[in-house]
Amino acid sequence: MTEVLTAAGLLTGSTFMLLAALGVVRLPDLLTRLHATTKAATLGVSLIMLSVAVHFAETAVVARALGIILFLMLTAPVAAHIIGRAGYFVGARLWDGTVKDELRPHYDPLTHRLRSGREEDDEPPAAPPHRD
């Protein structure tokens, strides 16, 4: 039974990795490529690592595989966000089918300042009331 689970996990994970590679080649712009790659590769590597854990069924191997999955789940979205943000700031061209650019009104390409929209509030937040 473990051989079947291992084979299914490896094949499914490899399929997701193949889809990630196809996404890099076929999708039109940086942000959509990054989206496909991050999602598919994270799921693919996670399934492959789970297959490794099921196949070896040793505590040390299972702990390492789960550690790799946890590390990947925590770092891949952050890395993709930073890469996408850097690509936007250097002027990577967006796909024509991009419906809405929500960052454009908040980003000044001349000064490279990104406003949150809260800069209009000139008053500092009120201090909490003092209790005696």
C-alpha atoms as a PDB file:
ATOM      1  CA  MET A   1       0.000   0.000   0.000  1.00  0.00           C
ATOM      2  CA  THR A   2       2.845   2.417   0.748  1.00  0.00           C
ATOM      3  CA  GLU A   3       4.264   1.814  -2.716  1.00  0.00           C
ATOM      4  CA  VAL A   4       0.970   2.907  -4.278  1.00  0.00           C
ATOM      5  CA  LEU A   5       0.800   6.039  -2.097  1.00  0.00           C
ATOM      6  CA  THR A   6       4.428   6.843  -2.833  1.00  0.00           C
ATOM      7  CA  ALA A   7       3.974   6.394  -6.574  1.00  0.00           C
ATOM      8  CA  ALA A   8       0.767   8.447  -6.604  1.00  0.00           C
ATOM      9  CA  GLY A   9       2.397  11.270  -4.633  1.00  0.00           C
ATOM     10  CA  LEU A  10       5.506  11.281  -6.813  1.00  0.00           C
ATOM     11  CA  LEU A  11       3.505  11.287 -10.045  1.00  0.00           C
ATOM     12  CA  THR A  12       1.115  13.972  -8.845  1.00  0.00           C
ATOM     13  CA  GLY A  13       3.953  16.125  -7.499  1.00  0.00           C
ATOM     14  CA  SER A  14       5.909  15.699 -10.712  1.00  0.00           C
ATOM     15  CA  THR A  15       2.825  16.671 -12.706  1.00  0.00           C
ATOM     16  CA  PHE A  16       2.491  19.872 -10.696  1.00  0.00           C
ATOM     17  CA  MET A  17       6.171  20.616 -11.273  1.00  0.00           C
ATOM     18  CA  LEU A  18       5.669  20.055 -15.008  1.00  0.00           C
ATOM     19  CA  LEU A  19       2.706  22.437 -14.957  1.00  0.00           C
ATOM     20  CA  ALA A  20       4.873  25.025 -13.191  1.00  0.00           C
ATOM     21  CA  ALA A  21       7.497  24.692 -15.918  1.00  0.00           C
ATOM     22  CA  LEU A  22       4.841  25.045 -18.618  1.00  0.00           C
ATOM     23  CA  GLY A  23       3.521  28.127 -16.828  1.00  0.00           C
ATOM     24  CA  VAL A  24       6.940  29.752 -16.997  1.00  0.00           C
ATOM     25  CA  VAL A  25       7.106  29.134 -20.732  1.00  0.00           C
ATOM     26  CA  ARG A  26       3.501  29.836 -21.741  1.00  0.00           C
ATOM     27  CA  LEU A  27       2.126  32.605 -19.521  1.00  0.00           C
ATOM     28  CA  PRO A  28       2.287  36.206 -20.769  1.00  0.00           C
ATOM     29  CA  ASP A  29       3.906  38.285 -18.017  1.00  0.00           C
ATOM     30  CA  LEU A  30       6.024  38.177 -14.887  1.00  0.00           C
ATOM     31  CA  LEU A  31       3.176  38.214 -12.393  1.00  0.00           C
ATOM     32  CA  THR A  32       1.184  35.369 -13.947  1.00  0.00           C
ATOM     33  CA  ARG A  33       4.334  33.299 -14.426  1.00  0.00           C
ATOM     34  CA  LEU A  34       5.282  33.896 -10.832  1.00  0.00           C
ATOM     35  CA  HIS A  35       1.809  32.944  -9.645  1.00  0.00           C
ATOM     36  CA  ALA A  36       1.760  29.661 -11.544  1.00  0.00           C
ATOM     37  CA  THR A  37       5.297  28.756 -10.602  1.00  0.00           C
ATOM     38  CA  THR A  38       4.892  29.470  -6.912  1.00  0.00           C
ATOM     39  CA  LYS A  39       1.590  27.642  -6.498  1.00  0.00           C
ATOM     40  CA  ALA A  40       2.397  24.602  -8.602  1.00  0.00           C
ATOM     41  CA  ALA A  41       5.977  24.186  -7.443  1.00  0.00           C
ATOM     42  CA  THR A  42       5.049  24.525  -3.773  1.00  0.00           C
ATOM     43  CA  LEU A  43       2.340  21.912  -4.087  1.00  0.00           C
ATOM     44  CA  GLY A  44       4.530  19.669  -6.251  1.00  0.00           C
ATOM     45  CA  VAL A  45       7.496  19.711  -3.886  1.00  0.00           C
ATOM     46  CA  SER A  46       5.172  19.190  -0.919  1.00  0.00           C
ATOM     47  CA  LEU A  47       3.647  16.097  -2.507  1.00  0.00           C
ATOM     48  CA  ILE A  48       7.068  14.732  -3.420  1.00  0.00           C
ATOM     49  CA  MET A  49       8.330  15.278   0.135  1.00  0.00           C
ATOM     50  CA  LEU A  50       5.226  13.600   1.564  1.00  0.00           C
ATOM     51  CA  SER A  51       5.903  10.655  -0.740  1.00  0.00           C
ATOM     52  CA  VAL A  52       9.467  10.487   0.554  1.00  0.00           C
ATOM     53  CA  ALA A  53       8.176  10.516   4.138  1.00  0.00           C
ATOM     54  CA  VAL A  54       5.669   7.733   3.416  1.00  0.00           C
ATOM     55  CA  HIS A  55       8.223   5.629   1.558  1.00  0.00           C
ATOM     56  CA  PHE A  56      10.978   5.722   4.173  1.00  0.00           C
ATOM     57  CA  ALA A  57       8.697   5.888   7.255  1.00  0.00           C
ATOM     58  CA  GLU A  58      11.583   6.771   9.574  1.00  0.00           C
ATOM     59  CA  THR A  59      11.218   9.492  12.163  1.00  0.00           C
ATOM     60  CA  ALA A  60      14.274  11.439  10.997  1.00  0.00           C
ATOM     61  CA  VAL A  61      13.230  11.342   7.339  1.00  0.00           C
ATOM     62  CA  VAL A  62       9.625  12.286   8.142  1.00  0.00           C
ATOM     63  CA  ALA A  63      10.811  15.189  10.315  1.00  0.00           C
ATOM     64  CA  ARG A  64      13.120  16.454   7.564  1.00  0.00           C
ATOM     65  CA  ALA A  65      10.430  16.128   4.904  1.00  0.00           C
ATOM     66  CA  LEU A  66       7.901  17.998   7.048  1.00  0.00           C
ATOM     67  CA  GLY A  67      10.537  20.634   7.824  1.00  0.00           C
ATOM     68  CA  ILE A  68      11.185  21.121   4.117  1.00  0.00           C
ATOM     69  CA  ILE A  69       7.451  21.435   3.446  1.00  0.00           C
ATOM     70  CA  LEU A  70       7.016  23.952   6.275  1.00  0.00           C
ATOM     71  CA  PHE A  71      10.026  25.979   5.129  1.00  0.00           C
ATOM     72  CA  LEU A  72       8.765  26.021   1.547  1.00  0.00           C
ATOM     73  CA  MET A  73       5.226  26.989   2.559  1.00  0.00           C
ATOM     74  CA  LEU A  74       6.583  29.889   4.618  1.00  0.00           C
ATOM     75  CA  THR A  75       9.213  31.214   2.217  1.00  0.00           C
ATOM     76  CA  ALA A  76       7.840  30.655  -1.304  1.00  0.00           C
ATOM     77  CA  PRO A  77       4.903  33.103  -1.047  1.00  0.00           C
ATOM     78  CA  VAL A  78       7.107  35.776   0.527  1.00  0.00           C
ATOM     79  CA  ALA A  79       9.801  35.338  -2.119  1.00  0.00           C
ATOM     80  CA  ALA A  80       7.219  35.457  -4.916  1.00  0.00           C
ATOM     81  CA  HIS A  81       5.728  38.622  -3.443  1.00  0.00           C
ATOM     82  CA  ILE A  82       9.119  40.330  -3.236  1.00  0.00           C
ATOM     83  CA  ILE A  83      10.089  39.284  -6.771  1.00  0.00           C
ATOM     84  CA  GLY A  84       6.726  40.435  -8.153  1.00  0.00           C
ATOM     85  CA  ARG A  85       6.991  43.739  -6.336  1.00  0.00           C
ATOM     86  CA  ALA A  86      10.528  44.302  -7.605  1.00  0.00           C
ATOM     87  CA  GLY A  87       9.400  43.451 -11.137  1.00  0.00           C
ATOM     88  CA  TYR A  88       6.566  45.952 -10.897  1.00  0.00           C
ATOM     89  CA  PHE A  89       8.873  48.676  -9.573  1.00  0.00           C
ATOM     90  CA  VAL A  90      11.441  48.232 -12.350  1.00  0.00           C
ATOM     91  CA  GLY A  91       8.671  48.453 -14.931  1.00  0.00           C
ATOM     92  CA  ALA A  92       8.017  44.876 -16.009  1.00  0.00           C
ATOM     93  CA  ARG A  93       5.255  45.106 -18.581  1.00  0.00           C
ATOM     94  CA  LEU A  94       1.876  43.829 -17.446  1.00  0.00           C
ATOM     95  CA  TRP A  95      -0.245  41.616 -19.639  1.00  0.00           C
ATOM     96  CA  ASP A  96      -2.905  43.445 -21.680  1.00  0.00           C
ATOM     97  CA  GLY A  97      -5.560  41.277 -20.027  1.00  0.00           C
ATOM     98  CA  THR A  98      -4.728  42.634 -16.597  1.00  0.00           C
ATOM     99  CA  VAL A  99      -8.017  44.147 -15.577  1.00  0.00           C
ATOM    100  CA  LYS A 100      -7.000  46.412 -12.729  1.00  0.00           C
ATOM    101  CA  ASP A 101      -3.691  47.821 -11.537  1.00  0.00           C
ATOM    102  CA  GLU A 102      -4.400  48.643  -7.898  1.00  0.00           C
ATOM    103  CA  LEU A 103      -0.846  49.741  -7.174  1.00  0.00           C
ATOM    104  CA  ARG A 104      -0.600  52.464  -9.841  1.00  0.00           C
ATOM    105  CA  PRO A 105      -2.329  55.290  -7.902  1.00  0.00           C
ATOM    106  CA  HIS A 106      -0.130  54.637  -4.858  1.00  0.00           C
ATOM    107  CA  TYR A 107       3.271  54.334  -6.556  1.00  0.00           C
ATOM    108  CA  ASP A 108       5.355  57.247  -7.843  1.00  0.00           C
ATOM    109  CA  PRO A 109       7.874  55.914 -10.410  1.00  0.00           C
ATOM    110  CA  LEU A 110       9.973  59.102 -10.284  1.00  0.00           C
ATOM    111  CA  THR A 111      10.682  58.999  -6.557  1.00  0.00           C
ATOM    112  CA  HIS A 112      10.031  55.267  -6.102  1.00  0.00           C
ATOM    113  CA  ARG A 113       7.750  56.061  -3.176  1.00  0.00           C
ATOM    114  CA  LEU A 114       4.881  53.789  -2.361  1.00  0.00           C
ATOM    115  CA  ARG A 115       2.068  55.419  -0.420  1.00  0.00           C
ATOM    116  CA  SER A 116      -0.315  53.422   1.710  1.00  0.00           C
ATOM    117  CA  GLY A 117      -3.092  55.981   1.450  1.00  0.00           C
ATOM    118  CA  ARG A 118      -2.896  56.819   5.131  1.00  0.00           C
ATOM    119  CA  GLU A 119      -0.429  59.678   4.606  1.00  0.00           C
ATOM    120  CA  GLU A 120      -3.338  62.103   4.341  1.00  0.00           C
ATOM    121  CA  ASP A 121      -3.947  61.664   8.058  1.00  0.00           C
ATOM    122  CA  ASP A 122      -1.728  64.455   9.397  1.00  0.00           C
ATOM    123  CA  GLU A 123      -2.950  64.041  12.945  1.00  0.00           C
ATOM    124  CA  PRO A 124      -1.190  61.401  15.022  1.00  0.00           C
ATOM    125  CA  PRO A 125      -3.440  58.823  16.634  1.00  0.00           C
ATOM    126  CA  ALA A 126      -4.964  59.934  19.907  1.00  0.00           C
ATOM    127  CA  ALA A 127      -3.234  58.780  23.066  1.00  0.00           C
ATOM    128  CA  PRO A 128      -5.187  56.381  25.246  1.00  0.00           C
ATOM    129  CA  PRO A 129      -6.908  58.028  28.204  1.00  0.00           C
ATOM    130  CA  HIS A 130      -4.837  58.229  31.383  1.00  0.00           C
ATOM    131  CA  ARG A 131      -6.162  56.259  34.338  1.00  0.00           C
ATOM    132  CA  ASP A 132      -5.421  57.274  37.903  1.00  0.00           C
END
